[in-house]
Every structure is written in C-alpha cells, then in structure tokens.
PDB file of all heavy atoms in Angstrom:
ATOM      1  N   SER A   1      -6.101 -14.285  24.462  1.00  0.00           N
ATOM      2  CA  SER A   1      -5.177 -13.118  24.519  1.00  0.00           C
ATOM      3  C   SER A   1      -3.994 -13.379  25.359  1.00  0.00           C
ATOM      4  O   SER A   1      -4.123 -14.034  26.405  1.00  0.00           O
ATOM      5  CB  SER A   1      -5.934 -11.892  25.068  1.00  0.00           C
ATOM      6  OG  SER A   1      -6.952 -11.540  24.150  1.00  0.00           O
ATOM      7  N   ILE A   2      -2.908 -12.886  24.981  1.00  0.00           N
ATOM      8  CA  ILE A   2      -1.688 -12.965  25.791  1.00  0.00           C
ATOM      9  C   ILE A   2      -1.239 -11.573  26.155  1.00  0.00           C
ATOM     10  O   ILE A   2      -1.087 -10.704  25.264  1.00  0.00           O
ATOM     11  CB  ILE A   2      -0.546 -13.686  24.920  1.00  0.00           C
ATOM     12  CG1 ILE A   2      -0.958 -15.068  24.504  1.00  0.00           C
ATOM     13  CG2 ILE A   2       0.732 -13.752  25.737  1.00  0.00           C
ATOM     14  CD1 ILE A   2      -0.108 -15.740  23.579  1.00  0.00           C
ATOM     15  N   THR A   3      -1.003 -11.343  27.409  1.00  0.00           N
ATOM     16  CA  THR A   3      -0.674 -10.054  27.912  1.00  0.00           C
ATOM     17  C   THR A   3       0.618  -9.560  27.293  1.00  0.00           C
ATOM     18  O   THR A   3       1.608 -10.321  27.183  1.00  0.00           O
ATOM     19  CB  THR A   3      -0.526 -10.070  29.462  1.00  0.00           C
ATOM     20  OG1 THR A   3      -1.781 -10.492  29.982  1.00  0.00           O
ATOM     21  CG2 THR A   3      -0.182  -8.720  30.017  1.00  0.00           C
ATOM     22  N   GLY A   4       0.644  -8.318  26.888  1.00  0.00           N
ATOM     23  CA  GLY A   4       1.815  -7.759  26.232  1.00  0.00           C
ATOM     24  C   GLY A   4       2.038  -7.966  24.803  1.00  0.00           C
ATOM     25  O   GLY A   4       3.001  -7.503  24.168  1.00  0.00           O
ATOM     26  N   CYS A   5       1.069  -8.723  24.173  1.00  0.00           N
ATOM     27  CA  CYS A   5       1.175  -8.975  22.812  1.00  0.00           C
ATOM     28  C   CYS A   5       0.214  -8.150  21.982  1.00  0.00           C
ATOM     29  O   CYS A   5      -0.682  -7.617  22.490  1.00  0.00           O
ATOM     30  CB  CYS A   5       0.877 -10.462  22.468  1.00  0.00           C
ATOM     31  SG  CYS A   5       2.090 -11.632  23.149  1.00  0.00           S
ATOM     32  N   VAL A   6       0.440  -8.111  20.644  1.00  0.00           N
ATOM     33  CA  VAL A   6      -0.450  -7.376  19.784  1.00  0.00           C
ATOM     34  C   VAL A   6      -1.033  -8.435  18.868  1.00  0.00           C
ATOM     35  O   VAL A   6      -0.320  -9.170  18.181  1.00  0.00           O
ATOM     36  CB  VAL A   6       0.347  -6.274  18.958  1.00  0.00           C
ATOM     37  CG1 VAL A   6      -0.664  -5.632  17.944  1.00  0.00           C
ATOM     38  CG2 VAL A   6       0.888  -5.216  19.850  1.00  0.00           C
ATOM     39  N   GLU A   7      -2.372  -8.468  18.764  1.00  0.00           N
ATOM     40  CA  GLU A   7      -3.055  -9.408  17.907  1.00  0.00           C
ATOM     41  C   GLU A   7      -3.781  -8.665  16.852  1.00  0.00           C
ATOM     42  O   GLU A   7      -4.504  -7.627  17.054  1.00  0.00           O
ATOM     43  CB  GLU A   7      -4.036 -10.200  18.728  1.00  0.00           C
ATOM     44  CG  GLU A   7      -4.934 -11.093  17.890  1.00  0.00           C
ATOM     45  CD  GLU A   7      -6.051 -11.704  18.743  1.00  0.00           C
ATOM     46  OE1 GLU A   7      -5.957 -11.694  20.010  1.00  0.00           O
ATOM     47  OE2 GLU A   7      -7.023 -12.142  18.163  1.00  0.00           O
ATOM     48  N   ILE A   8      -3.631  -9.053  15.584  1.00  0.00           N
ATOM     49  CA  ILE A   8      -4.381  -8.489  14.462  1.00  0.00           C
ATOM     50  C   ILE A   8      -5.427  -9.475  14.108  1.00  0.00           C
ATOM     51  O   ILE A   8      -5.154 -10.515  13.578  1.00  0.00           O
ATOM     52  CB  ILE A   8      -3.420  -8.169  13.298  1.00  0.00           C
ATOM     53  CG1 ILE A   8      -2.440  -7.148  13.742  1.00  0.00           C
ATOM     54  CG2 ILE A   8      -4.311  -7.575  12.173  1.00  0.00           C
ATOM     55  CD1 ILE A   8      -1.380  -6.829  12.684  1.00  0.00           C
ATOM     56  N   SER A   9      -6.703  -9.114  14.428  1.00  0.00           N
ATOM     57  CA  SER A   9      -7.792 -10.039  14.291  1.00  0.00           C
ATOM     58  C   SER A   9      -8.573  -9.922  13.019  1.00  0.00           C
ATOM     59  O   SER A   9      -9.112 -10.872  12.521  1.00  0.00           O
ATOM     60  CB  SER A   9      -8.747  -9.929  15.461  1.00  0.00           C
ATOM     61  OG  SER A   9      -9.238  -8.606  15.590  1.00  0.00           O
ATOM     62  N   GLN A  10      -8.657  -8.752  12.495  1.00  0.00           N
ATOM     63  CA  GLN A  10      -9.517  -8.492  11.240  1.00  0.00           C
ATOM     64  C   GLN A  10      -8.805  -7.431  10.429  1.00  0.00           C
ATOM     65  O   GLN A  10      -8.080  -6.582  10.925  1.00  0.00           O
ATOM     66  CB  GLN A  10     -10.895  -8.064  11.545  1.00  0.00           C
ATOM     67  CG  GLN A  10     -11.777  -9.025  12.199  1.00  0.00           C
ATOM     68  CD  GLN A  10     -13.122  -8.521  12.434  1.00  0.00           C
ATOM     69  OE1 GLN A  10     -13.314  -7.321  12.684  1.00  0.00           O
ATOM     70  NE2 GLN A  10     -14.163  -9.349  12.345  1.00  0.00           N
ATOM     71  N   SER A  11      -9.037  -7.541   9.122  1.00  0.00           N
ATOM     72  CA  SER A  11      -8.642  -6.450   8.272  1.00  0.00           C
ATOM     73  C   SER A  11      -9.485  -6.413   6.995  1.00  0.00           C
ATOM     74  O   SER A  11      -9.883  -7.472   6.488  1.00  0.00           O
ATOM     75  CB  SER A  11      -7.136  -6.734   7.847  1.00  0.00           C
ATOM     76  OG  SER A  11      -6.690  -5.747   6.977  1.00  0.00           O
ATOM     77  N   ASN A  12      -9.799  -5.197   6.572  1.00  0.00           N
ATOM     78  CA  ASN A  12     -10.465  -5.054   5.302  1.00  0.00           C
ATOM     79  C   ASN A  12      -9.408  -5.068   4.266  1.00  0.00           C
ATOM     80  O   ASN A  12      -8.587  -4.203   4.207  1.00  0.00           O
ATOM     81  CB  ASN A  12     -11.261  -3.677   5.297  1.00  0.00           C
ATOM     82  CG  ASN A  12     -12.020  -3.488   4.033  1.00  0.00           C
ATOM     83  OD1 ASN A  12     -11.693  -3.977   3.003  1.00  0.00           O
ATOM     84  ND2 ASN A  12     -13.089  -2.817   4.115  1.00  0.00           N
ATOM     85  N   GLU A  13      -9.444  -6.043   3.394  1.00  0.00           N
ATOM     86  CA  GLU A  13      -8.359  -6.303   2.427  1.00  0.00           C
ATOM     87  C   GLU A  13      -8.218  -5.085   1.397  1.00  0.00           C
ATOM     88  O   GLU A  13      -7.236  -4.925   0.792  1.00  0.00           O
ATOM     89  CB  GLU A  13      -8.549  -7.526   1.675  1.00  0.00           C
ATOM     90  CG  GLU A  13      -8.408  -8.754   2.643  1.00  0.00           C
ATOM     91  CD  GLU A  13      -8.544 -10.103   1.941  1.00  0.00           C
ATOM     92  OE1 GLU A  13      -8.550 -10.107   0.726  1.00  0.00           O
ATOM     93  OE2 GLU A  13      -8.799 -11.040   2.704  1.00  0.00           O
ATOM     94  N   ASP A  14      -9.296  -4.277   1.260  1.00  0.00           N
ATOM     95  CA  ASP A  14      -9.188  -3.142   0.344  1.00  0.00           C
ATOM     96  C   ASP A  14      -8.582  -1.958   0.981  1.00  0.00           C
ATOM     97  O   ASP A  14      -8.179  -1.060   0.287  1.00  0.00           O
ATOM     98  CB  ASP A  14     -10.677  -2.736  -0.082  1.00  0.00           C
ATOM     99  CG  ASP A  14     -11.299  -3.875  -0.897  1.00  0.00           C
ATOM    100  OD1 ASP A  14     -10.526  -4.686  -1.535  1.00  0.00           O
ATOM    101  OD2 ASP A  14     -12.545  -3.965  -0.877  1.00  0.00           O
ATOM    102  N   ILE A  15      -8.528  -1.790   2.360  1.00  0.00           N
ATOM    103  CA  ILE A  15      -7.967  -0.692   2.992  1.00  0.00           C
ATOM    104  C   ILE A  15      -6.777  -1.145   3.777  1.00  0.00           C
ATOM    105  O   ILE A  15      -6.812  -2.092   4.586  1.00  0.00           O
ATOM    106  CB  ILE A  15      -9.001  -0.052   3.967  1.00  0.00           C
ATOM    107  CG1 ILE A  15     -10.235   0.336   3.161  1.00  0.00           C
ATOM    108  CG2 ILE A  15      -8.409   1.155   4.697  1.00  0.00           C
ATOM    109  CD1 ILE A  15     -11.416   0.720   4.038  1.00  0.00           C
ATOM    110  N   VAL A  16      -5.640  -0.503   3.521  1.00  0.00           N
ATOM    111  CA  VAL A  16      -4.369  -0.865   4.236  1.00  0.00           C
ATOM    112  C   VAL A  16      -3.871   0.329   4.964  1.00  0.00           C
ATOM    113  O   VAL A  16      -3.783   1.431   4.476  1.00  0.00           O
ATOM    114  CB  VAL A  16      -3.277  -1.323   3.200  1.00  0.00           C
ATOM    115  CG1 VAL A  16      -2.061  -1.636   3.776  1.00  0.00           C
ATOM    116  CG2 VAL A  16      -3.846  -2.454   2.396  1.00  0.00           C
ATOM    117  N   ALA A  17      -3.506   0.100   6.250  1.00  0.00           N
ATOM    118  CA  ALA A  17      -2.868   1.208   7.074  1.00  0.00           C
ATOM    119  C   ALA A  17      -1.522   1.549   6.489  1.00  0.00           C
ATOM    120  O   ALA A  17      -0.810   0.756   5.964  1.00  0.00           O
ATOM    121  CB  ALA A  17      -2.711   0.685   8.480  1.00  0.00           C
ATOM    122  N   PRO A  18      -1.234   2.852   6.471  1.00  0.00           N
ATOM    123  CA  PRO A  18       0.080   3.318   6.006  1.00  0.00           C
ATOM    124  C   PRO A  18       1.214   2.611   6.723  1.00  0.00           C
ATOM    125  O   PRO A  18       1.121   2.243   7.873  1.00  0.00           O
ATOM    126  CB  PRO A  18       0.110   4.771   6.240  1.00  0.00           C
ATOM    127  CG  PRO A  18      -1.331   5.247   6.380  1.00  0.00           C
ATOM    128  CD  PRO A  18      -2.059   4.024   6.935  1.00  0.00           C
ATOM    129  N   SER A  19       2.297   2.433   6.037  1.00  0.00           N
ATOM    130  CA  SER A  19       3.516   1.834   6.624  1.00  0.00           C
ATOM    131  C   SER A  19       3.808   2.470   7.990  1.00  0.00           C
ATOM    132  O   SER A  19       4.000   3.692   8.062  1.00  0.00           O
ATOM    133  CB  SER A  19       4.679   1.874   5.716  1.00  0.00           C
ATOM    134  OG  SER A  19       5.846   1.337   6.217  1.00  0.00           O
ATOM    135  N   GLY A  20       4.003   1.677   9.016  1.00  0.00           N
ATOM    136  CA  GLY A  20       4.418   2.153  10.288  1.00  0.00           C
ATOM    137  C   GLY A  20       3.259   2.679  11.223  1.00  0.00           C
ATOM    138  O   GLY A  20       3.515   2.951  12.442  1.00  0.00           O
ATOM    139  N   MET A  21       2.081   2.736  10.702  1.00  0.00           N
ATOM    140  CA  MET A  21       0.987   3.313  11.513  1.00  0.00           C
ATOM    141  C   MET A  21       0.636   2.474  12.682  1.00  0.00           C
ATOM    142  O   MET A  21       0.634   3.029  13.824  1.00  0.00           O
ATOM    143  CB  MET A  21      -0.306   3.511  10.599  1.00  0.00           C
ATOM    144  CG  MET A  21      -1.438   4.111  11.289  1.00  0.00           C
ATOM    145  SD  MET A  21      -2.837   4.290  10.142  1.00  0.00           S
ATOM    146  CE  MET A  21      -3.933   5.367  11.109  1.00  0.00           C
ATOM    147  N   VAL A  22       0.359   1.264  12.463  1.00  0.00           N
ATOM    148  CA  VAL A  22       0.032   0.360  13.659  1.00  0.00           C
ATOM    149  C   VAL A  22       1.252   0.300  14.638  1.00  0.00           C
ATOM    150  O   VAL A  22       1.016   0.350  15.881  1.00  0.00           O
ATOM    151  CB  VAL A  22      -0.404  -1.085  13.112  1.00  0.00           C
ATOM    152  CG1 VAL A  22      -0.530  -2.033  14.292  1.00  0.00           C
ATOM    153  CG2 VAL A  22      -1.647  -0.956  12.358  1.00  0.00           C
ATOM    154  N   GLU A  23       2.436   0.158  14.093  1.00  0.00           N
ATOM    155  CA  GLU A  23       3.586   0.088  14.995  1.00  0.00           C
ATOM    156  C   GLU A  23       3.760   1.341  15.851  1.00  0.00           C
ATOM    157  O   GLU A  23       3.956   1.280  17.098  1.00  0.00           O
ATOM    158  CB  GLU A  23       4.843  -0.166  14.176  1.00  0.00           C
ATOM    159  CG  GLU A  23       4.852  -1.534  13.484  1.00  0.00           C
ATOM    160  CD  GLU A  23       4.033  -1.548  12.168  1.00  0.00           C
ATOM    161  OE1 GLU A  23       3.549  -0.517  11.762  1.00  0.00           O
ATOM    162  OE2 GLU A  23       4.009  -2.624  11.611  1.00  0.00           O
ATOM    163  N   GLU A  24       3.492   2.479  15.265  1.00  0.00           N
ATOM    164  CA  GLU A  24       3.713   3.758  16.002  1.00  0.00           C
ATOM    165  C   GLU A  24       2.612   3.928  17.088  1.00  0.00           C
ATOM    166  O   GLU A  24       2.920   4.309  18.174  1.00  0.00           O
ATOM    167  CB  GLU A  24       3.661   4.959  15.091  1.00  0.00           C
ATOM    168  CG  GLU A  24       3.678   6.286  15.780  1.00  0.00           C
ATOM    169  CD  GLU A  24       4.856   6.503  16.720  1.00  0.00           C
ATOM    170  OE1 GLU A  24       5.894   5.865  16.638  1.00  0.00           O
ATOM    171  OE2 GLU A  24       4.726   7.401  17.624  1.00  0.00           O
ATOM    172  N   CYS A  25       1.411   3.592  16.690  1.00  0.00           N
ATOM    173  CA  CYS A  25       0.318   3.657  17.747  1.00  0.00           C
ATOM    174  C   CYS A  25       0.521   2.693  18.834  1.00  0.00           C
ATOM    175  O   CYS A  25       0.286   2.999  19.950  1.00  0.00           O
ATOM    176  CB  CYS A  25      -1.068   3.568  17.064  1.00  0.00           C
ATOM    177  SG  CYS A  25      -1.531   5.034  16.129  1.00  0.00           S
ATOM    178  N   THR A  26       0.951   1.511  18.474  1.00  0.00           N
ATOM    179  CA  THR A  26       1.288   0.519  19.550  1.00  0.00           C
ATOM    180  C   THR A  26       2.349   0.977  20.464  1.00  0.00           C
ATOM    181  O   THR A  26       2.301   0.890  21.615  1.00  0.00           O
ATOM    182  CB  THR A  26       1.619  -0.831  18.855  1.00  0.00           C
ATOM    183  OG1 THR A  26       0.505  -1.328  18.150  1.00  0.00           O
ATOM    184  CG2 THR A  26       1.957  -1.924  19.901  1.00  0.00           C
ATOM    185  N   ARG A  27       3.371   1.647  19.875  1.00  0.00           N
ATOM    186  CA  ARG A  27       4.504   2.155  20.655  1.00  0.00           C
ATOM    187  C   ARG A  27       3.945   3.241  21.630  1.00  0.00           C
ATOM    188  O   ARG A  27       4.329   3.257  22.774  1.00  0.00           O
ATOM    189  CB  ARG A  27       5.547   2.754  19.765  1.00  0.00           C
ATOM    190  CG  ARG A  27       6.760   3.250  20.480  1.00  0.00           C
ATOM    191  CD  ARG A  27       7.660   4.198  19.673  1.00  0.00           C
ATOM    192  NE  ARG A  27       6.962   5.470  19.390  1.00  0.00           N
ATOM    193  CZ  ARG A  27       6.754   6.482  20.224  1.00  0.00           C
ATOM    194  NH1 ARG A  27       7.190   6.343  21.495  1.00  0.00           N
ATOM    195  NH2 ARG A  27       6.148   7.550  19.921  1.00  0.00           N
ATOM    196  N   GLN A  28       3.053   4.089  21.144  1.00  0.00           N
ATOM    197  CA  GLN A  28       2.506   5.170  21.993  1.00  0.00           C
ATOM    198  C   GLN A  28       1.748   4.524  23.210  1.00  0.00           C
ATOM    199  O   GLN A  28       1.962   5.016  24.379  1.00  0.00           O
ATOM    200  CB  GLN A  28       1.661   6.055  21.150  1.00  0.00           C
ATOM    201  CG  GLN A  28       2.340   6.925  20.199  1.00  0.00           C
ATOM    202  CD  GLN A  28       1.468   7.676  19.310  1.00  0.00           C
ATOM    203  OE1 GLN A  28       0.265   8.026  19.689  1.00  0.00           O
ATOM    204  NE2 GLN A  28       1.949   8.094  18.132  1.00  0.00           N
ATOM    205  N   ILE A  29       0.977   3.507  22.924  1.00  0.00           N
ATOM    206  CA  ILE A  29       0.241   2.861  24.003  1.00  0.00           C
ATOM    207  C   ILE A  29       1.177   2.194  25.028  1.00  0.00           C
ATOM    208  O   ILE A  29       1.004   2.365  26.215  1.00  0.00           O
ATOM    209  CB  ILE A  29      -0.754   1.890  23.452  1.00  0.00           C
ATOM    210  CG1 ILE A  29      -1.869   2.570  22.607  1.00  0.00           C
ATOM    211  CG2 ILE A  29      -1.382   1.038  24.506  1.00  0.00           C
ATOM    212  CD1 ILE A  29      -2.646   1.624  21.700  1.00  0.00           C
ATOM    213  N   ARG A  30       2.205   1.579  24.490  1.00  0.00           N
ATOM    214  CA  ARG A  30       3.157   0.897  25.376  1.00  0.00           C
ATOM    215  C   ARG A  30       3.922   1.811  26.269  1.00  0.00           C
ATOM    216  O   ARG A  30       4.399   1.383  27.325  1.00  0.00           O
ATOM    217  CB  ARG A  30       4.092   0.060  24.481  1.00  0.00           C
ATOM    218  CG  ARG A  30       3.472  -1.072  23.809  1.00  0.00           C
ATOM    219  CD  ARG A  30       3.786  -2.423  24.444  1.00  0.00           C
ATOM    220  NE  ARG A  30       3.197  -3.460  23.648  1.00  0.00           N
ATOM    221  CZ  ARG A  30       2.130  -4.135  24.047  1.00  0.00           C
ATOM    222  NH1 ARG A  30       1.610  -3.853  25.161  1.00  0.00           N
ATOM    223  NH2 ARG A  30       1.653  -5.093  23.325  1.00  0.00           N
ATOM    224  N   VAL A  31       4.014   3.046  25.952  1.00  0.00           N
ATOM    225  CA  VAL A  31       4.735   4.057  26.840  1.00  0.00           C
ATOM    226  C   VAL A  31       4.018   4.047  28.181  1.00  0.00           C
ATOM    227  O   VAL A  31       4.726   3.993  29.204  1.00  0.00           O
ATOM    228  CB  VAL A  31       4.750   5.441  26.222  1.00  0.00           C
ATOM    229  CG1 VAL A  31       5.181   6.541  27.228  1.00  0.00           C
ATOM    230  CG2 VAL A  31       5.676   5.446  24.951  1.00  0.00           C
ATOM    231  N   GLY A  32       2.733   4.141  28.224  1.00  0.00           N
ATOM    232  CA  GLY A  32       1.993   4.236  29.502  1.00  0.00           C
ATOM    233  C   GLY A  32       1.526   2.813  30.019  1.00  0.00           C
ATOM    234  O   GLY A  32       1.142   2.722  31.159  1.00  0.00           O
ATOM    235  N   ARG A  33       1.392   1.913  29.078  1.00  0.00           N
ATOM    236  CA  ARG A  33       0.837   0.593  29.392  1.00  0.00           C
ATOM    237  C   ARG A  33       1.701  -0.533  28.803  1.00  0.00           C
ATOM    238  O   ARG A  33       1.277  -1.170  27.836  1.00  0.00           O
ATOM    239  CB  ARG A  33      -0.632   0.523  28.923  1.00  0.00           C
ATOM    240  CG  ARG A  33      -1.495   1.659  29.574  1.00  0.00           C
ATOM    241  CD  ARG A  33      -2.836   1.681  28.945  1.00  0.00           C
ATOM    242  NE  ARG A  33      -3.676   0.686  29.627  1.00  0.00           N
ATOM    243  CZ  ARG A  33      -5.005   0.773  29.449  1.00  0.00           C
ATOM    244  NH1 ARG A  33      -5.632   1.636  28.661  1.00  0.00           N
ATOM    245  NH2 ARG A  33      -5.773  -0.157  30.024  1.00  0.00           N
TER     246      ARG A  33
END
C-alpha cells in the first residue's frame, strides 16, 4: 500500500458502480483524512 493512494483490488465484473460513485466517496474520505 502507498499512503494517500487509492487501490482497486477486486471487482465483480457483473456489478459496476455508477459513474462517479467511487470518486465521490473517496473525496468525502479525503476531506477528513
């Protein structure tokens, strides 16, 4: 792991997160951390 980075380690190929979902949640986390 590298501090400050986002790693995508697994994904179910049949289920896809809506556009912008991961980015928005990552942004929210980065506000405090």
